[in-house]
Amino acid sequence: MLFHGAFAKTMDPMMADANQPFLRLLGATLVLVSILCAGVVQAAEDRLARVLARGVMRVCIWPSYYAVTYRNPRDGLLRGIDIDLSKEFARDLGVRLEYVEISFTQLLPALEGDKCDVAMMAVSITQERMRRVDFTRPYLRSSIVLVAPKASTVIRSWDDIDKPGVVLAVTAGTVMEDYFRAALRSARLMVLKATDTREEEVLSGRADAFATDYAYSRRVEMEYDWARVIEPRLAVGVSNYGYAVPKNSPDWLGRVEQFVATVKGDGRLKTSAKLHGLEAIALYEKD
């Protein structure tokens, strides 16, 4: 409205009269934009308040992530370090827990589209993701490892990966895909949308190995008698894992960050990491 008045005073009266409809429209548009922008900021800043008022915390998980957020096909129950810790967080907040099952390719749209309040599924902290969502400090850290058949004559060590004719399977949307897209020169990368098909592709012979992280390699060692885990001589594609929240939610990010610091200090992170075989990659210090 101030802009409208100031602008009109600089005009010839006849021109001002002629432009009244335009000026009214412009003024109304500016007011509407201001209201919408204020609403977006308010919604973002009030996420913690909204979670508490709703009485429900919506948590994005990937139900195929062994030892992290894994749905056991035998009993249908969810287990893993982030199932334990999400329950602890909900208990600390005094709210009910609601899981939203997604894949990693759906992670950013889910947070940006307000489908969940936080992703607690060992999310790798990458520059690309940091441009679109915010992260807590890491609580896990892992290198990339390979899984190949014990009987394989093609893949016997890490040095056998990048050779002509070798096919390496990775899950779409993961750090493994990003790393090997840049690293491979001779081998072919097979990018899979269905996470459960990595093992199938290797067993069928369509892929020679698949790439994963330490957490999932625990499943390989415990459940697959046909497979072996191959680690690099030096850690490669090291990922820091944190919890991800929508951008511009400082109060909420601060509360999630407070929870991470708390469970590092009071032993809950250590207890859950030990229960699920992840002691080797859990971070108990502040960073």
C-alpha atoms as a PDB file:
ATOM      1  CA  MET A   1       0.000   0.000   0.000  1.00  0.00           C
ATOM      2  CA  LEU A   2       2.905   2.431   0.684  1.00  0.00           C
ATOM      3  CA  PHE A   3       4.405   1.517  -2.643  1.00  0.00           C
ATOM      4  CA  HIS A   4       1.051   2.136  -4.317  1.00  0.00           C
ATOM      5  CA  GLY A   5       0.697   5.634  -2.844  1.00  0.00           C
ATOM      6  CA  ALA A   6       4.289   6.713  -3.502  1.00  0.00           C
ATOM      7  CA  PHE A   7       4.166   5.481  -7.063  1.00  0.00           C
ATOM      8  CA  ALA A   8       0.850   7.239  -7.759  1.00  0.00           C
ATOM      9  CA  LYS A   9       2.163  10.619  -6.541  1.00  0.00           C
ATOM     10  CA  THR A  10       4.905  10.631  -9.159  1.00  0.00           C
ATOM     11  CA  MET A  11       2.400  10.233 -12.007  1.00  0.00           C
ATOM     12  CA  ASP A  12       0.295  12.659 -13.963  1.00  0.00           C
ATOM     13  CA  PRO A  13      -3.259  12.633 -12.478  1.00  0.00           C
ATOM     14  CA  MET A  14      -4.782  11.404 -15.733  1.00  0.00           C
ATOM     15  CA  MET A  15      -2.188   8.627 -15.986  1.00  0.00           C
ATOM     16  CA  ALA A  16      -2.805   7.733 -12.357  1.00  0.00           C
ATOM     17  CA  ASP A  17      -6.509   7.410 -13.003  1.00  0.00           C
ATOM     18  CA  ALA A  18      -5.840   5.252 -16.035  1.00  0.00           C
ATOM     19  CA  ASN A  19      -3.520   2.990 -14.061  1.00  0.00           C
ATOM     20  CA  GLN A  20      -5.707   2.589 -10.996  1.00  0.00           C
ATOM     21  CA  PRO A  21      -6.765  -0.989 -11.901  1.00  0.00           C
ATOM     22  CA  PHE A  22      -3.130  -1.971 -12.461  1.00  0.00           C
ATOM     23  CA  LEU A  23      -2.013  -0.383  -9.217  1.00  0.00           C
ATOM     24  CA  ARG A  24      -4.774  -2.037  -7.235  1.00  0.00           C
ATOM     25  CA  LEU A  25      -3.812  -5.406  -8.714  1.00  0.00           C
ATOM     26  CA  LEU A  26      -0.136  -4.804  -8.015  1.00  0.00           C
ATOM     27  CA  GLY A  27      -0.843  -3.802  -4.431  1.00  0.00           C
ATOM     28  CA  ALA A  28      -3.038  -6.826  -3.842  1.00  0.00           C
ATOM     29  CA  THR A  29      -0.396  -9.100  -5.345  1.00  0.00           C
ATOM     30  CA  LEU A  30       2.320  -7.716  -3.073  1.00  0.00           C
ATOM     31  CA  VAL A  31       0.124  -8.201  -0.034  1.00  0.00           C
ATOM     32  CA  LEU A  32      -0.678 -11.790  -1.074  1.00  0.00           C
ATOM     33  CA  VAL A  33       2.987 -12.612  -1.664  1.00  0.00           C
ATOM     34  CA  SER A  34       3.865 -11.209   1.756  1.00  0.00           C
ATOM     35  CA  ILE A  35       1.182 -13.313   3.413  1.00  0.00           C
ATOM     36  CA  LEU A  36       2.270 -16.481   1.609  1.00  0.00           C
ATOM     37  CA  CYS A  37       5.936 -15.926   2.413  1.00  0.00           C
ATOM     38  CA  ALA A  38       5.122 -15.262   6.032  1.00  0.00           C
ATOM     39  CA  GLY A  39       3.036 -18.417   6.110  1.00  0.00           C
ATOM     40  CA  VAL A  40       5.861 -20.549   4.717  1.00  0.00           C
ATOM     41  CA  VAL A  41       8.352 -19.148   7.227  1.00  0.00           C
ATOM     42  CA  GLN A  42       5.870 -19.549  10.073  1.00  0.00           C
ATOM     43  CA  ALA A  43       5.112 -23.160   9.084  1.00  0.00           C
ATOM     44  CA  ALA A  44       8.817 -23.979   8.897  1.00  0.00           C
ATOM     45  CA  GLU A  45       9.741 -22.305  12.175  1.00  0.00           C
ATOM     46  CA  ASP A  46       6.811 -23.845  14.018  1.00  0.00           C
ATOM     47  CA  ARG A  47       7.501 -27.479  13.041  1.00  0.00           C
ATOM     48  CA  LEU A  48       8.515 -28.429  16.588  1.00  0.00           C
ATOM     49  CA  ALA A  49       5.380 -26.778  17.925  1.00  0.00           C
ATOM     50  CA  ARG A  50       3.273 -28.529  15.288  1.00  0.00           C
ATOM     51  CA  VAL A  51       4.734 -31.940  16.137  1.00  0.00           C
ATOM     52  CA  LEU A  52       3.984 -31.394  19.806  1.00  0.00           C
ATOM     53  CA  ALA A  53       0.510 -30.026  19.127  1.00  0.00           C
ATOM     54  CA  ARG A  54      -0.308 -32.880  16.745  1.00  0.00           C
ATOM     55  CA  GLY A  55       0.999 -35.404  19.223  1.00  0.00           C
ATOM     56  CA  VAL A  56       2.556 -37.408  16.406  1.00  0.00           C
ATOM     57  CA  MET A  57       6.080 -37.494  14.995  1.00  0.00           C
ATOM     58  CA  ARG A  58       6.186 -38.734  11.404  1.00  0.00           C
ATOM     59  CA  VAL A  59       9.447 -40.558  10.712  1.00  0.00           C
ATOM     60  CA  CYS A  60      10.631 -41.546   7.239  1.00  0.00           C
ATOM     61  CA  ILE A  61      12.331 -44.950   7.111  1.00  0.00           C
ATOM     62  CA  TRP A  62      13.606 -47.366   4.465  1.00  0.00           C
ATOM     63  CA  PRO A  63      12.269 -50.766   5.585  1.00  0.00           C
ATOM     64  CA  SER A  64      14.948 -52.732   3.697  1.00  0.00           C
ATOM     65  CA  TYR A  65      17.912 -51.285   5.594  1.00  0.00           C
ATOM     66  CA  TYR A  66      19.298 -54.170   7.631  1.00  0.00           C
ATOM     67  CA  ALA A  67      20.336 -53.299  11.219  1.00  0.00           C
ATOM     68  CA  VAL A  68      19.015 -49.759  10.703  1.00  0.00           C
ATOM     69  CA  THR A  69      15.310 -49.807   9.758  1.00  0.00           C
ATOM     70  CA  TYR A  70      14.611 -53.349   8.615  1.00  0.00           C
ATOM     71  CA  ARG A  71      11.264 -55.091   8.355  1.00  0.00           C
ATOM     72  CA  ASN A  72      11.878 -58.757   9.083  1.00  0.00           C
ATOM     73  CA  PRO A  73       9.923 -60.789   6.508  1.00  0.00           C
ATOM     74  CA  ARG A  74       9.465 -63.629   8.997  1.00  0.00           C
ATOM     75  CA  ASP A  75       7.372 -61.686  11.494  1.00  0.00           C
ATOM     76  CA  GLY A  76       6.764 -58.343   9.778  1.00  0.00           C
ATOM     77  CA  LEU A  77       8.317 -56.391  12.656  1.00  0.00           C
ATOM     78  CA  LEU A  78      10.632 -53.428  12.217  1.00  0.00           C
ATOM     79  CA  ARG A  79      14.048 -53.686  13.841  1.00  0.00           C
ATOM     80  CA  GLY A  80      17.279 -51.721  13.799  1.00  0.00           C
ATOM     81  CA  ILE A  81      19.171 -48.924  15.467  1.00  0.00           C
ATOM     82  CA  ASP A  82      16.909 -46.202  14.105  1.00  0.00           C
ATOM     83  CA  ILE A  83      13.762 -48.081  15.040  1.00  0.00           C
ATOM     84  CA  ASP A  84      15.077 -48.143  18.611  1.00  0.00           C
ATOM     85  CA  LEU A  85      16.179 -44.512  18.598  1.00  0.00           C
ATOM     86  CA  SER A  86      13.048 -43.161  16.911  1.00  0.00           C
ATOM     87  CA  LYS A  87      11.014 -44.796  19.669  1.00  0.00           C
ATOM     88  CA  GLU A  88      13.282 -43.177  22.259  1.00  0.00           C
ATOM     89  CA  PHE A  89      12.894 -39.784  20.595  1.00  0.00           C
ATOM     90  CA  ALA A  90       9.113 -40.053  20.475  1.00  0.00           C
ATOM     91  CA  ARG A  91       9.133 -41.036  24.143  1.00  0.00           C
ATOM     92  CA  ASP A  92      11.334 -38.019  25.007  1.00  0.00           C
ATOM     93  CA  LEU A  93       8.942 -35.712  23.146  1.00  0.00           C
ATOM     94  CA  GLY A  94       5.851 -37.347  24.624  1.00  0.00           C
ATOM     95  CA  VAL A  95       4.318 -37.981  21.195  1.00  0.00           C
ATOM     96  CA  ARG A  96       3.114 -40.960  19.195  1.00  0.00           C
ATOM     97  CA  LEU A  97       5.342 -42.414  16.481  1.00  0.00           C
ATOM     98  CA  GLU A  98       4.206 -42.824  12.887  1.00  0.00           C
ATOM     99  CA  TYR A  99       6.488 -44.431  10.282  1.00  0.00           C
ATOM    100  CA  VAL A 100       6.434 -43.374   6.640  1.00  0.00           C
ATOM    101  CA  GLU A 101       8.065 -46.040   4.476  1.00  0.00           C
ATOM    102  CA  ILE A 102      10.091 -44.713   1.544  1.00  0.00           C
ATOM    103  CA  SER A 103      13.158 -45.519  -0.561  1.00  0.00           C
ATOM    104  CA  PHE A 104      16.242 -43.327  -0.809  1.00  0.00           C
ATOM    105  CA  THR A 105      15.115 -41.970  -4.180  1.00  0.00           C
ATOM    106  CA  GLN A 106      12.016 -40.647  -2.398  1.00  0.00           C
ATOM    107  CA  LEU A 107      13.897 -39.128   0.537  1.00  0.00           C
ATOM    108  CA  LEU A 108      14.189 -35.503  -0.590  1.00  0.00           C
ATOM    109  CA  PRO A 109      10.667 -35.230  -2.067  1.00  0.00           C
ATOM    110  CA  ALA A 110       9.231 -36.755   1.115  1.00  0.00           C
ATOM    111  CA  LEU A 111      10.883 -34.171   3.357  1.00  0.00           C
ATOM    112  CA  GLU A 112      10.214 -31.259   1.011  1.00  0.00           C
ATOM    113  CA  GLY A 113       6.625 -32.376   0.518  1.00  0.00           C
ATOM    114  CA  ASP A 114       5.937 -32.549   4.272  1.00  0.00           C
ATOM    115  CA  LYS A 115       5.292 -36.301   4.233  1.00  0.00           C
ATOM    116  CA  CYS A 116       7.453 -36.734   7.326  1.00  0.00           C
ATOM    117  CA  ASP A 117       9.017 -34.542   9.993  1.00  0.00           C
ATOM    118  CA  VAL A 118      12.372 -36.303  10.122  1.00  0.00           C
ATOM    119  CA  ALA A 119      14.188 -39.072   8.265  1.00  0.00           C
ATOM    120  CA  MET A 120      15.743 -41.489  10.749  1.00  0.00           C
ATOM    121  CA  MET A 121      17.240 -44.088   8.411  1.00  0.00           C
ATOM    122  CA  ALA A 122      21.020 -43.553   8.501  1.00  0.00           C
ATOM    123  CA  VAL A 123      20.943 -40.892   5.792  1.00  0.00           C
ATOM    124  CA  SER A 124      24.341 -40.191   4.222  1.00  0.00           C
ATOM    125  CA  ILE A 125      25.252 -36.534   4.530  1.00  0.00           C
ATOM    126  CA  THR A 126      26.133 -35.343   1.020  1.00  0.00           C
ATOM    127  CA  GLN A 127      26.554 -31.895  -0.513  1.00  0.00           C
ATOM    128  CA  GLU A 128      23.629 -32.464  -2.868  1.00  0.00           C
ATOM    129  CA  ARG A 129      21.303 -33.417  -0.042  1.00  0.00           C
ATOM    130  CA  MET A 130      22.510 -30.567   2.163  1.00  0.00           C
ATOM    131  CA  ARG A 131      21.317 -28.098  -0.459  1.00  0.00           C
ATOM    132  CA  ARG A 132      17.764 -29.352   0.001  1.00  0.00           C
ATOM    133  CA  VAL A 133      17.469 -30.613   3.597  1.00  0.00           C
ATOM    134  CA  ASP A 134      19.233 -30.035   6.913  1.00  0.00           C
ATOM    135  CA  PHE A 135      21.192 -32.623   8.887  1.00  0.00           C
ATOM    136  CA  THR A 136      22.147 -33.321  12.456  1.00  0.00           C
ATOM    137  CA  ARG A 137      25.718 -34.136  13.336  1.00  0.00           C
ATOM    138  CA  PRO A 138      26.599 -37.717  12.349  1.00  0.00           C
ATOM    139  CA  TYR A 139      26.047 -40.674  14.638  1.00  0.00           C
ATOM    140  CA  LEU A 140      27.350 -43.416  12.288  1.00  0.00           C
ATOM    141  CA  ARG A 141      30.234 -43.543   9.801  1.00  0.00           C
ATOM    142  CA  SER A 142      30.829 -46.282   7.223  1.00  0.00           C
ATOM    143  CA  SER A 143      32.956 -47.159   4.218  1.00  0.00           C
ATOM    144  CA  ILE A 144      31.605 -48.838   1.086  1.00  0.00           C
ATOM    145  CA  VAL A 145      32.065 -52.615   0.888  1.00  0.00           C
ATOM    146  CA  LEU A 146      31.358 -55.217  -1.783  1.00  0.00           C
ATOM    147  CA  VAL A 147      29.393 -58.456  -1.672  1.00  0.00           C
ATOM    148  CA  ALA A 148      30.356 -61.223  -4.115  1.00  0.00           C
ATOM    149  CA  PRO A 149      29.795 -64.978  -4.302  1.00  0.00           C
ATOM    150  CA  LYS A 150      32.360 -67.040  -2.430  1.00  0.00           C
ATOM    151  CA  ALA A 151      32.780 -69.180  -5.523  1.00  0.00           C
ATOM    152  CA  SER A 152      33.370 -66.223  -7.858  1.00  0.00           C
ATOM    153  CA  THR A 153      36.477 -66.345 -10.032  1.00  0.00           C
ATOM    154  CA  VAL A 154      35.830 -62.813 -11.286  1.00  0.00           C
ATOM    155  CA  ILE A 155      35.781 -60.849  -8.038  1.00  0.00           C
ATOM    156  CA  ARG A 156      38.345 -62.050  -5.516  1.00  0.00           C
ATOM    157  CA  SER A 157      39.514 -58.673  -4.204  1.00  0.00           C
ATOM    158  CA  TRP A 158      38.700 -54.971  -4.451  1.00  0.00           C
ATOM    159  CA  ASP A 159      41.217 -54.667  -7.301  1.00  0.00           C
ATOM    160  CA  ASP A 160      39.022 -56.872  -9.507  1.00  0.00           C
ATOM    161  CA  ILE A 161      36.101 -54.444  -9.645  1.00  0.00           C
ATOM    162  CA  ASP A 162      36.998 -52.000 -12.373  1.00  0.00           C
ATOM    163  CA  LYS A 163      37.791 -54.365 -15.227  1.00  0.00           C
ATOM    164  CA  PRO A 164      36.160 -54.843 -18.643  1.00  0.00           C
ATOM    165  CA  GLY A 165      33.172 -57.178 -18.486  1.00  0.00           C
ATOM    166  CA  VAL A 166      32.591 -56.769 -14.742  1.00  0.00           C
ATOM    167  CA  VAL A 167      29.075 -55.725 -13.691  1.00  0.00           C
ATOM    168  CA  LEU A 168      28.580 -54.031 -10.327  1.00  0.00           C
ATOM    169  CA  ALA A 169      25.056 -53.606  -8.905  1.00  0.00           C
ATOM    170  CA  VAL A 170      24.055 -50.658  -6.720  1.00  0.00           C
ATOM    171  CA  THR A 171      20.786 -49.343  -5.315  1.00  0.00           C
ATOM    172  CA  ALA A 172      19.413 -46.186  -6.928  1.00  0.00           C
ATOM    173  CA  GLY A 173      19.646 -43.022  -4.863  1.00  0.00           C
ATOM    174  CA  THR A 174      22.423 -44.246  -2.571  1.00  0.00           C
ATOM    175  CA  VAL A 175      25.952 -43.014  -1.954  1.00  0.00           C
ATOM    176  CA  MET A 176      27.171 -46.204  -3.615  1.00  0.00           C
ATOM    177  CA  GLU A 177      25.589 -45.141  -6.893  1.00  0.00           C
ATOM    178  CA  ASP A 178      27.184 -41.679  -6.691  1.00  0.00           C
ATOM    179  CA  TYR A 179      30.605 -43.049  -5.796  1.00  0.00           C
ATOM    180  CA  PHE A 180      30.856 -45.704  -8.482  1.00  0.00           C
ATOM    181  CA  ARG A 181      29.408 -43.504 -11.216  1.00  0.00           C
ATOM    182  CA  ALA A 182      32.463 -41.332 -10.715  1.00  0.00           C
ATOM    183  CA  ALA A 183      34.977 -44.084  -9.923  1.00  0.00           C
ATOM    184  CA  LEU A 184      34.367 -46.784 -12.540  1.00  0.00           C
ATOM    185  CA  ARG A 185      36.203 -46.596 -15.851  1.00  0.00           C
ATOM    186  CA  SER A 186      35.939 -50.088 -17.339  1.00  0.00           C
ATOM    187  CA  ALA A 187      33.274 -51.989 -15.391  1.00  0.00           C
ATOM    188  CA  ARG A 188      29.547 -51.509 -15.994  1.00  0.00           C
ATOM    189  CA  LEU A 189      27.307 -50.091 -13.278  1.00  0.00           C
ATOM    190  CA  MET A 190      23.880 -51.718 -12.838  1.00  0.00           C
ATOM    191  CA  VAL A 191      21.528 -49.337 -11.005  1.00  0.00           C
ATOM    192  CA  LEU A 192      18.571 -51.094  -9.392  1.00  0.00           C
ATOM    193  CA  LYS A 193      15.337 -49.510  -8.225  1.00  0.00           C
ATOM    194  CA  ALA A 194      14.079 -52.524  -6.254  1.00  0.00           C
ATOM    195  CA  THR A 195      16.453 -52.879  -3.316  1.00  0.00           C
ATOM    196  CA  ASP A 196      15.832 -56.591  -2.856  1.00  0.00           C
ATOM    197  CA  THR A 197      17.082 -57.417  -6.345  1.00  0.00           C
ATOM    198  CA  ARG A 198      20.790 -56.827  -5.655  1.00  0.00           C
ATOM    199  CA  GLU A 199      21.194 -60.329  -4.295  1.00  0.00           C
ATOM    200  CA  GLU A 200      19.064 -61.758  -7.089  1.00  0.00           C
ATOM    201  CA  GLU A 201      21.182 -60.085  -9.758  1.00  0.00           C
ATOM    202  CA  VAL A 202      24.386 -61.485  -8.267  1.00  0.00           C
ATOM    203  CA  LEU A 203      22.973 -64.980  -7.716  1.00  0.00           C
ATOM    204  CA  SER A 204      21.638 -65.075 -11.280  1.00  0.00           C
ATOM    205  CA  GLY A 205      25.030 -64.093 -12.693  1.00  0.00           C
ATOM    206  CA  ARG A 206      23.718 -60.867 -14.248  1.00  0.00           C
ATOM    207  CA  ALA A 207      25.939 -58.941 -11.822  1.00  0.00           C
ATOM    208  CA  ASP A 208      29.302 -59.998 -10.401  1.00  0.00           C
ATOM    209  CA  ALA A 209      28.979 -58.138  -7.097  1.00  0.00           C
ATOM    210  CA  PHE A 210      26.940 -55.477  -5.364  1.00  0.00           C
ATOM    211  CA  ALA A 211      28.038 -52.493  -3.305  1.00  0.00           C
ATOM    212  CA  THR A 212      26.654 -51.705   0.114  1.00  0.00           C
ATOM    213  CA  ASP A 213      27.738 -50.351   3.498  1.00  0.00           C
ATOM    214  CA  TYR A 214      28.797 -51.863   6.789  1.00  0.00           C
ATOM    215  CA  ALA A 215      25.280 -52.064   8.208  1.00  0.00           C
ATOM    216  CA  TYR A 216      23.871 -54.103   5.343  1.00  0.00           C
ATOM    217  CA  SER A 217      27.006 -56.251   5.198  1.00  0.00           C
ATOM    218  CA  ARG A 218      25.997 -57.540   8.630  1.00  0.00           C
ATOM    219  CA  ARG A 219      23.016 -59.243   6.996  1.00  0.00           C
ATOM    220  CA  VAL A 220      25.299 -60.812   4.402  1.00  0.00           C
ATOM    221  CA  GLU A 221      27.587 -62.264   7.044  1.00  0.00           C
ATOM    222  CA  MET A 222      24.731 -63.580   9.174  1.00  0.00           C
ATOM    223  CA  GLU A 223      22.234 -64.832   6.587  1.00  0.00           C
ATOM    224  CA  TYR A 224      23.923 -65.556   3.232  1.00  0.00           C
ATOM    225  CA  ASP A 225      26.115 -68.636   3.197  1.00  0.00           C
ATOM    226  CA  TRP A 226      26.850 -68.111  -0.506  1.00  0.00           C
ATOM    227  CA  ALA A 227      28.278 -64.610  -0.124  1.00  0.00           C
ATOM    228  CA  ARG A 228      31.340 -62.913   1.258  1.00  0.00           C
ATOM    229  CA  VAL A 229      32.070 -59.310   2.109  1.00  0.00           C
ATOM    230  CA  ILE A 230      35.059 -57.663   0.427  1.00  0.00           C
ATOM    231  CA  GLU A 231      36.471 -54.577   2.110  1.00  0.00           C
ATOM    232  CA  PRO A 232      38.887 -52.118   0.468  1.00  0.00           C
ATOM    233  CA  ARG A 233      42.451 -51.901   1.753  1.00  0.00           C
ATOM    234  CA  LEU A 234      41.759 -48.250   2.544  1.00  0.00           C
ATOM    235  CA  ALA A 235      38.301 -46.895   3.310  1.00  0.00           C
ATOM    236  CA  VAL A 236      36.525 -45.547   0.211  1.00  0.00           C
ATOM    237  CA  GLY A 237      33.319 -43.605  -0.203  1.00  0.00           C
ATOM    238  CA  VAL A 238      33.189 -42.991   3.545  1.00  0.00           C
ATOM    239  CA  SER A 239      29.785 -41.694   4.595  1.00  0.00           C
ATOM    240  CA  ASN A 240      28.715 -39.812   7.685  1.00  0.00           C
ATOM    241  CA  TYR A 241      25.129 -40.680   8.602  1.00  0.00           C
ATOM    242  CA  GLY A 242      22.773 -38.269  10.310  1.00  0.00           C
ATOM    243  CA  TYR A 243      19.093 -37.493  10.649  1.00  0.00           C
ATOM    244  CA  ALA A 244      17.568 -35.243   7.998  1.00  0.00           C
ATOM    245  CA  VAL A 245      14.845 -32.618   8.485  1.00  0.00           C
ATOM    246  CA  PRO A 246      13.158 -30.124   6.121  1.00  0.00           C
ATOM    247  CA  LYS A 247      15.012 -26.892   5.384  1.00  0.00           C
ATOM    248  CA  ASN A 248      14.334 -23.733   7.388  1.00  0.00           C
ATOM    249  CA  SER A 249      13.129 -25.469  10.541  1.00  0.00           C
ATOM    250  CA  PRO A 250      15.700 -24.195  13.060  1.00  0.00           C
ATOM    251  CA  ASP A 251      13.748 -25.017  16.211  1.00  0.00           C
ATOM    252  CA  TRP A 252      13.018 -28.543  15.015  1.00  0.00           C
ATOM    253  CA  LEU A 253      16.571 -29.138  13.788  1.00  0.00           C
ATOM    254  CA  GLY A 254      17.855 -27.955  17.135  1.00  0.00           C
ATOM    255  CA  ARG A 255      15.589 -30.367  19.004  1.00  0.00           C
ATOM    256  CA  VAL A 256      16.597 -33.336  16.842  1.00  0.00           C
ATOM    257  CA  GLU A 257      20.248 -32.333  17.255  1.00  0.00           C
ATOM    258  CA  GLN A 258      19.728 -32.196  21.018  1.00  0.00           C
ATOM    259  CA  PHE A 259      18.362 -35.746  20.944  1.00  0.00           C
ATOM    260  CA  VAL A 260      21.402 -37.025  19.018  1.00  0.00           C
ATOM    261  CA  ALA A 261      23.765 -35.418  21.522  1.00  0.00           C
ATOM    262  CA  THR A 262      21.748 -36.829  24.407  1.00  0.00           C
ATOM    263  CA  VAL A 263      21.751 -40.455  23.230  1.00  0.00           C
ATOM    264  CA  LYS A 264      25.470 -40.246  22.536  1.00  0.00           C
ATOM    265  CA  GLY A 265      26.029 -39.173  26.113  1.00  0.00           C
ATOM    266  CA  ASP A 266      23.547 -41.296  28.055  1.00  0.00           C
ATOM    267  CA  GLY A 267      24.419 -44.657  26.484  1.00  0.00           C
ATOM    268  CA  ARG A 268      21.281 -45.245  24.421  1.00  0.00           C
ATOM    269  CA  LEU A 269      23.179 -45.007  21.113  1.00  0.00           C
ATOM    270  CA  LYS A 270      25.839 -47.399  22.357  1.00  0.00           C
ATOM    271  CA  THR A 271      23.284 -49.899  23.649  1.00  0.00           C
ATOM    272  CA  SER A 272      21.358 -49.977  20.375  1.00  0.00           C
ATOM    273  CA  ALA A 273      24.516 -50.089  18.231  1.00  0.00           C
ATOM    274  CA  LYS A 274      25.740 -53.111  20.185  1.00  0.00           C
ATOM    275  CA  LEU A 275      22.347 -54.832  19.920  1.00  0.00           C
ATOM    276  CA  HIS A 276      22.371 -54.542  16.114  1.00  0.00           C
ATOM    277  CA  GLY A 277      26.068 -55.188  15.534  1.00  0.00           C
ATOM    278  CA  LEU A 278      26.982 -51.630  14.599  1.00  0.00           C
ATOM    279  CA  GLU A 279      29.467 -50.787  17.351  1.00  0.00           C
ATOM    280  CA  ALA A 280      32.287 -50.508  14.776  1.00  0.00           C
ATOM    281  CA  ILE A 281      30.647 -47.572  12.991  1.00  0.00           C
ATOM    282  CA  ALA A 282      28.829 -45.763  15.813  1.00  0.00           C
ATOM    283  CA  LEU A 283      30.117 -42.297  16.767  1.00  0.00           C
ATOM    284  CA  TYR A 284      29.950 -41.596  20.476  1.00  0.00           C
ATOM    285  CA  GLU A 285      31.747 -38.279  20.447  1.00  0.00           C
ATOM    286  CA  LYS A 286      30.108 -34.923  19.682  1.00  0.00           C
ATOM    287  CA  ASP A 287      31.271 -34.888  16.037  1.00  0.00           C
END
